[in-house]
């Protein structure tokens, strides 16, 4: 943890103010704001990597996870001099690229970090993230569903990394070679989503309206647009267990873990033991799949 002086944290040559350090943010597990800042510092090598040079949306909980919250896209005023911003579609986003910025956001009770799927100043996606969302409040089949999608990706010759959202869903990350467009990603996503729903029609749906999904798991292939966001790997979530969005191995997925199993109280030890699982998969080529999708259909 960076050096703490009364009312401030000194880190990387910057002074980050700390207010209400004893404020309980996650009351059920006893995590105060100062404890949260310590956990953010522990997570920072991994969380910063997932957010660096991207447009950041945060969700702020000034009164803790049970209080009122709001989404923050525009950078708040006043801004410390060490905070970099970037304008996209008339919104002045914070760019989370340094530990002082992360701790400053933590002091503002920013609990969730949702970066864009593209880098600042660029129009191409930097990864493919499949989002699986349950329709039911309590959905025991999430990991089973994720494993099925993972098997299909493997059959297409693609390596991937599943992660808990930290809330109710699961995302599957496919690191991709740079150069694919958002339109192309959506077309590949639609192809995989249709295949999954046709193969497992009682489990998956691509129906956007929740009221029309029944009890099925939604395969969301429509997230990939400029400015859209998803929960970052290693972001904390505003859940009772202080869960953290955590990359998993496919072996772990098949053991049916719960999102609450990975939280601010134990994530540091996991990272010491496992490291960043996202680094185990190199960028994947989507050329062959795109060529197949673009090939003319023979009569």
Protein backbone atom coordinates (compact mmCIF):
# COMPACT_ATOMS: atom_id res chain seq x y z
CA UNK A 1 0.00 0.00 0.00
CA UNK A 2 1.33 3.49 -0.80
CA UNK A 3 2.43 5.68 2.12
CA UNK A 4 -0.51 7.10 4.08
CA UNK A 5 -0.36 10.56 5.67
CA UNK A 6 -3.30 11.97 7.61
CA UNK A 7 -5.93 12.89 5.04
CA UNK A 8 -3.89 11.84 2.00
CA UNK A 9 -2.13 8.92 0.34
CA UNK A 10 1.27 9.56 -1.22
CA UNK A 11 1.75 7.41 -4.32
CA UNK A 12 3.96 7.73 -7.41
CA UNK A 13 4.82 11.30 -6.45
CA UNK A 14 1.17 12.35 -6.17
CA UNK A 15 -0.93 13.23 -3.12
CA UNK A 16 -4.34 11.57 -3.23
CA UNK A 17 -6.92 12.93 -0.75
CA UNK A 18 -8.79 10.47 1.47
CA UNK A 19 -12.10 11.43 3.05
CA UNK A 20 -14.18 9.40 5.53
CA UNK A 21 -11.69 6.49 5.67
CA UNK A 22 -13.86 4.60 8.19
CA UNK A 23 -16.99 4.74 6.03
CA UNK A 24 -18.38 1.22 5.57
CA UNK A 25 -18.79 0.51 1.87
CA UNK A 26 -19.56 -3.22 2.20
CA UNK A 27 -21.11 -3.47 5.69
CA UNK A 28 -21.77 -7.23 5.64
CA UNK A 29 -18.07 -8.04 5.22
CA UNK A 30 -16.77 -5.02 7.11
CA UNK A 31 -14.89 -3.32 4.28
CA UNK A 32 -14.31 0.37 4.98
CA UNK A 33 -13.19 2.93 2.43
CA UNK A 34 -9.57 2.74 3.64
CA UNK A 35 -9.64 -1.06 3.38
CA UNK A 36 -11.11 -0.66 -0.10
CA UNK A 37 -8.25 1.62 -1.14
CA UNK A 38 -5.80 -0.98 0.14
CA UNK A 39 -7.55 -3.67 -1.91
CA UNK A 40 -7.53 -1.45 -5.00
CA UNK A 41 -3.79 -1.01 -4.63
CA UNK A 42 -3.49 -4.81 -4.44
CA UNK A 43 -5.63 -5.21 -7.57
CA UNK A 44 -4.04 -2.34 -9.46
CA UNK A 45 -1.48 -4.28 -11.58
CA UNK A 46 -4.37 -6.27 -13.04
CA UNK A 47 -7.25 -3.79 -13.03
CA UNK A 48 -5.15 -1.02 -14.58
CA UNK A 49 -4.16 -3.36 -17.40
CA UNK A 50 -7.84 -3.95 -18.19
CA UNK A 51 -8.68 -0.22 -18.18
CA UNK A 52 -5.54 1.45 -19.51
CA UNK A 53 -6.07 3.84 -22.43
CA UNK A 54 -9.81 3.23 -22.54
CA UNK A 55 -12.85 5.40 -21.88
CA UNK A 56 -13.97 4.73 -18.34
CA UNK A 57 -17.48 4.66 -16.90
CA UNK A 58 -17.71 4.15 -13.15
CA UNK A 59 -20.59 3.46 -10.77
CA UNK A 60 -20.36 5.47 -7.57
CA UNK A 61 -21.87 4.50 -4.21
CA UNK A 62 -21.18 7.43 -1.86
CA UNK A 63 -23.16 5.84 0.97
CA UNK A 64 -21.92 2.30 0.45
CA UNK A 65 -23.39 -0.50 -1.63
CA UNK A 66 -26.86 -0.22 -0.09
CA UNK A 67 -27.15 3.52 -0.69
CA UNK A 68 -28.00 5.56 -3.73
CA UNK A 69 -25.68 5.12 -6.70
CA UNK A 70 -25.09 6.79 -10.05
CA UNK A 71 -23.19 6.15 -13.25
CA UNK A 72 -20.40 8.60 -13.96
CA UNK A 73 -19.19 9.07 -17.51
CA UNK A 74 -18.14 12.73 -17.44
CA UNK A 75 -15.08 13.37 -15.31
CA UNK A 76 -16.09 15.14 -12.07
CA UNK A 77 -14.87 18.59 -11.10
CA UNK A 78 -12.44 19.55 -9.74
CA UNK A 79 -9.94 17.23 -11.41
CA UNK A 80 -6.51 16.64 -9.84
CA UNK A 81 -3.67 17.46 -12.24
CA UNK A 82 -2.62 13.80 -12.44
CA UNK A 83 -5.95 12.68 -13.98
CA UNK A 84 -5.98 12.34 -17.76
CA UNK A 85 -9.23 12.60 -19.69
CA UNK A 86 -10.38 11.98 -23.26
CA UNK A 87 -13.41 13.34 -25.10
CA UNK A 88 -15.65 10.96 -27.04
CA UNK A 89 -19.04 11.99 -28.40
CA UNK A 90 -19.04 15.14 -26.24
CA UNK A 91 -18.33 13.23 -23.02
CA UNK A 92 -15.11 13.92 -21.13
CA UNK A 93 -14.11 10.49 -19.83
CA UNK A 94 -11.52 9.69 -17.18
CA UNK A 95 -8.69 7.52 -18.51
CA UNK A 96 -7.62 5.08 -15.80
CA UNK A 97 -3.93 4.53 -16.43
CA UNK A 98 -2.18 5.10 -13.08
CA UNK A 99 -2.49 3.99 -9.48
CA UNK A 100 -3.05 7.56 -8.18
CA UNK A 101 -6.06 7.85 -10.51
CA UNK A 102 -7.44 4.51 -9.31
CA UNK A 103 -7.12 5.53 -5.65
CA UNK A 104 -8.64 8.94 -6.36
CA UNK A 105 -11.65 7.20 -7.92
CA UNK A 106 -11.79 4.79 -4.99
CA UNK A 107 -11.95 7.72 -2.58
CA UNK A 108 -14.95 9.00 -4.58
CA UNK A 109 -16.58 5.61 -3.82
CA UNK A 110 -16.32 4.43 -7.42
CA UNK A 111 -16.92 0.74 -6.81
CA UNK A 112 -17.38 -0.57 -10.35
CA UNK A 113 -15.14 0.08 -13.34
CA UNK A 114 -16.53 -0.35 -16.86
CA UNK A 115 -14.05 0.45 -19.65
CA UNK A 116 -14.81 0.83 -23.34
CA UNK A 117 -14.12 -2.05 -25.71
CA UNK A 118 -11.78 0.13 -27.76
CA UNK A 119 -8.80 2.33 -27.00
CA UNK A 120 -8.87 6.12 -26.74
CA UNK A 121 -8.82 7.72 -30.17
CA UNK A 122 -9.37 4.43 -32.01
CA UNK A 123 -12.42 2.90 -33.67
CA UNK A 124 -11.49 -0.80 -33.67
CA UNK A 125 -12.22 -3.21 -30.81
CA UNK A 126 -9.33 -4.48 -28.71
CA UNK A 127 -11.03 -7.73 -27.65
CA UNK A 128 -14.10 -9.84 -28.19
CA UNK A 129 -16.18 -10.27 -25.05
CA UNK A 130 -19.20 -12.60 -25.10
CA UNK A 131 -21.73 -11.64 -22.45
CA UNK A 132 -24.05 -14.28 -20.97
CA UNK A 133 -26.85 -12.88 -18.80
CA UNK A 134 -29.35 -14.87 -16.74
CA UNK A 135 -33.03 -14.07 -16.97
CA UNK A 136 -33.80 -15.67 -13.61
CA UNK A 137 -32.60 -13.96 -10.44
CA UNK A 138 -31.10 -17.25 -9.27
CA UNK A 139 -29.69 -19.18 -12.23
CA UNK A 140 -27.73 -22.34 -11.36
CA UNK A 141 -26.90 -23.12 -15.01
CA UNK A 142 -24.60 -20.15 -15.71
CA UNK A 143 -21.32 -22.04 -15.58
CA UNK A 144 -22.78 -24.95 -17.54
CA UNK A 145 -23.85 -22.48 -20.22
CA UNK A 146 -20.43 -20.81 -20.25
CA UNK A 147 -18.73 -24.18 -20.67
CA UNK A 148 -20.94 -24.97 -23.67
CA UNK A 149 -20.00 -21.70 -25.35
CA UNK A 150 -16.34 -22.34 -24.54
CA UNK A 151 -16.53 -25.75 -26.23
CA UNK A 152 -18.02 -24.18 -29.35
CA UNK A 153 -15.26 -21.55 -29.46
CA UNK A 154 -12.70 -24.34 -29.13
CA UNK A 155 -14.34 -26.17 -32.04
CA UNK A 156 -13.82 -22.99 -34.08
CA UNK A 157 -10.13 -23.02 -33.20
CA UNK A 158 -10.38 -20.17 -30.69
CA UNK A 159 -8.84 -20.02 -27.23
CA UNK A 160 -10.74 -17.99 -24.65
CA UNK A 161 -10.85 -17.02 -20.99
CA UNK A 162 -14.12 -17.12 -19.01
CA UNK A 163 -14.68 -14.69 -16.17
CA UNK A 164 -17.34 -14.08 -13.60
CA UNK A 165 -18.98 -10.70 -14.00
CA UNK A 166 -18.89 -10.49 -10.22
CA UNK A 167 -22.67 -10.04 -10.34
CA UNK A 168 -24.97 -12.59 -12.00
CA UNK A 169 -23.52 -13.08 -15.47
CA UNK A 170 -20.48 -14.63 -17.10
CA UNK A 171 -18.31 -13.15 -19.81
CA UNK A 172 -16.00 -15.03 -22.15
CA UNK A 173 -13.02 -13.05 -23.41
CA UNK A 174 -11.38 -13.85 -26.72
CA UNK A 175 -8.20 -11.78 -27.17
CA UNK A 176 -8.12 -10.87 -30.87
CA UNK A 177 -5.56 -9.78 -33.40
CA UNK A 178 -5.97 -6.09 -34.09
CA UNK A 179 -7.80 -5.06 -37.24
CA UNK A 180 -11.26 -6.57 -36.80
CA UNK A 181 -14.13 -4.05 -36.91
CA UNK A 182 -17.06 -3.80 -34.52
CA UNK A 183 -19.40 -4.79 -37.36
CA UNK A 184 -17.35 -7.92 -37.99
CA UNK A 185 -17.33 -8.81 -34.30
CA UNK A 186 -21.10 -8.51 -34.14
CA UNK A 187 -21.47 -10.72 -37.20
CA UNK A 188 -19.25 -13.41 -35.64
CA UNK A 189 -21.11 -13.04 -32.36
CA UNK A 190 -24.45 -13.45 -34.13
CA UNK A 191 -23.15 -16.56 -35.89
CA UNK A 192 -22.00 -18.17 -32.63
CA UNK A 193 -25.15 -17.06 -30.77
CA UNK A 194 -27.45 -18.57 -33.40
CA UNK A 195 -25.49 -21.82 -33.38
CA UNK A 196 -25.62 -22.03 -29.57
CA UNK A 197 -29.35 -21.29 -29.40
CA UNK A 198 -30.13 -23.82 -32.13
CA UNK A 199 -28.01 -26.49 -30.45
CA UNK A 200 -29.33 -25.79 -26.93
CA UNK A 201 -32.75 -24.17 -27.46
CA UNK A 202 -33.93 -24.79 -23.89
CA UNK A 203 -30.94 -23.04 -22.36
CA UNK A 204 -30.05 -20.04 -24.58
CA UNK A 205 -31.89 -17.18 -26.25
CA UNK A 206 -30.96 -14.15 -28.31
CA UNK A 207 -34.25 -12.42 -27.44
CA UNK A 208 -33.38 -8.88 -26.29
CA UNK A 209 -36.57 -8.24 -24.30
CA UNK A 210 -36.28 -9.81 -20.87
CA UNK A 211 -40.02 -10.35 -20.60
CA UNK A 212 -39.89 -12.60 -23.67
CA UNK A 213 -36.94 -14.78 -22.59
CA UNK A 214 -38.74 -17.14 -20.23
CA UNK A 215 -36.11 -18.81 -18.07
CA UNK A 216 -33.37 -18.84 -20.72
CA UNK A 217 -29.88 -17.37 -20.61
CA UNK A 218 -29.37 -14.41 -22.90
CA UNK A 219 -26.44 -14.58 -25.32
CA UNK A 220 -25.70 -10.89 -25.88
CA UNK A 221 -23.77 -10.40 -29.11
CA UNK A 222 -24.84 -6.76 -29.56
CA UNK A 223 -22.52 -5.10 -27.04
CA UNK A 224 -19.79 -4.35 -29.55
CA UNK A 225 -20.07 -0.70 -30.53
CA UNK A 226 -17.90 2.34 -29.98
CA UNK A 227 -18.39 3.73 -26.48
CA UNK A 228 -20.11 0.60 -25.15
CA UNK A 229 -18.71 -0.88 -21.94
CA UNK A 230 -18.63 -4.10 -19.95
CA UNK A 231 -17.41 -4.79 -16.42
CA UNK A 232 -13.62 -4.92 -16.44
CA UNK A 233 -11.75 -8.02 -15.38
CA UNK A 234 -10.84 -7.52 -11.71
CA UNK A 235 -13.40 -4.78 -11.06
CA UNK A 236 -15.08 -4.98 -7.67
CA UNK A 237 -18.87 -5.15 -7.72
CA UNK A 238 -21.51 -3.61 -5.45
CA UNK A 239 -22.61 -6.95 -4.08
CA UNK A 240 -22.94 -8.08 -0.46
CA UNK A 241 -19.95 -10.43 -0.74
CA UNK A 242 -17.71 -7.70 -2.25
CA UNK A 243 -17.30 -9.94 -5.27
CA UNK A 244 -14.69 -9.23 -7.93
CA UNK A 245 -15.02 -9.98 -11.63
CA UNK A 246 -12.51 -12.80 -11.90
CA UNK A 247 -10.99 -14.70 -14.85
CA UNK A 248 -11.20 -18.47 -14.43
CA UNK A 249 -9.80 -21.59 -16.00
CA UNK A 250 -12.22 -23.78 -17.94
CA UNK A 251 -11.53 -26.48 -15.35
CA UNK A 252 -12.79 -24.14 -12.64
CA UNK A 253 -15.89 -23.32 -14.68
CA UNK A 254 -16.79 -27.01 -14.78
CA UNK A 255 -16.73 -27.09 -10.96
CA UNK A 256 -19.62 -24.58 -10.96
CA UNK A 257 -18.17 -21.77 -8.80
CA UNK A 258 -20.28 -18.87 -7.56
CA UNK A 259 -19.41 -15.21 -8.21
CA UNK A 260 -19.19 -14.59 -4.45
CA UNK A 261 -16.36 -17.15 -4.23
CA UNK A 262 -14.01 -14.51 -5.62
CA UNK A 263 -14.05 -11.31 -3.61
CA UNK A 264 -12.02 -8.42 -2.25
CA UNK A 265 -11.04 -10.45 0.82
CA UNK A 266 -9.43 -13.32 -1.10
CA UNK A 267 -8.61 -12.05 -4.61
CA UNK A 268 -5.10 -10.97 -3.63
CA UNK A 269 -4.10 -14.48 -2.58
CA UNK A 270 -5.60 -15.93 -5.74
CA UNK A 271 -3.61 -13.54 -7.91
CA UNK A 272 -0.40 -14.40 -6.07
CA UNK A 273 -1.03 -18.09 -6.75
CA UNK A 274 -2.51 -17.94 -10.27
CA UNK A 275 -1.39 -14.65 -11.75
CA UNK A 276 -3.37 -13.06 -14.56
CA UNK A 277 -5.13 -15.83 -16.50
CA UNK A 278 -5.79 -13.36 -19.32
CA UNK A 279 -2.08 -13.47 -20.10
CA UNK A 280 -2.27 -17.20 -20.84
CA UNK A 281 -4.13 -16.70 -24.13
CA UNK A 282 -2.47 -14.89 -27.07
CA UNK A 283 -4.41 -12.73 -29.54
CA UNK A 284 -6.56 -14.97 -31.76
CA UNK A 285 -7.05 -14.65 -35.51
CA UNK A 286 -10.65 -14.36 -36.70
CA UNK A 287 -9.77 -14.35 -40.39
CA UNK A 288 -10.95 -17.86 -41.23
CA UNK A 289 -14.30 -17.37 -39.49
CA UNK A 290 -14.84 -14.04 -41.24
CA UNK A 291 -13.95 -15.58 -44.60
CA UNK A 292 -16.52 -18.31 -43.98
CA UNK A 293 -19.21 -15.79 -43.03
CA UNK A 294 -18.49 -13.61 -46.06
CA UNK A 295 -18.32 -16.47 -48.54
CA UNK A 296 -21.24 -16.61 -50.99
CA UNK A 297 -23.87 -19.24 -50.23
CA UNK A 298 -23.95 -21.94 -52.90
CA UNK A 299 -27.33 -22.88 -54.32
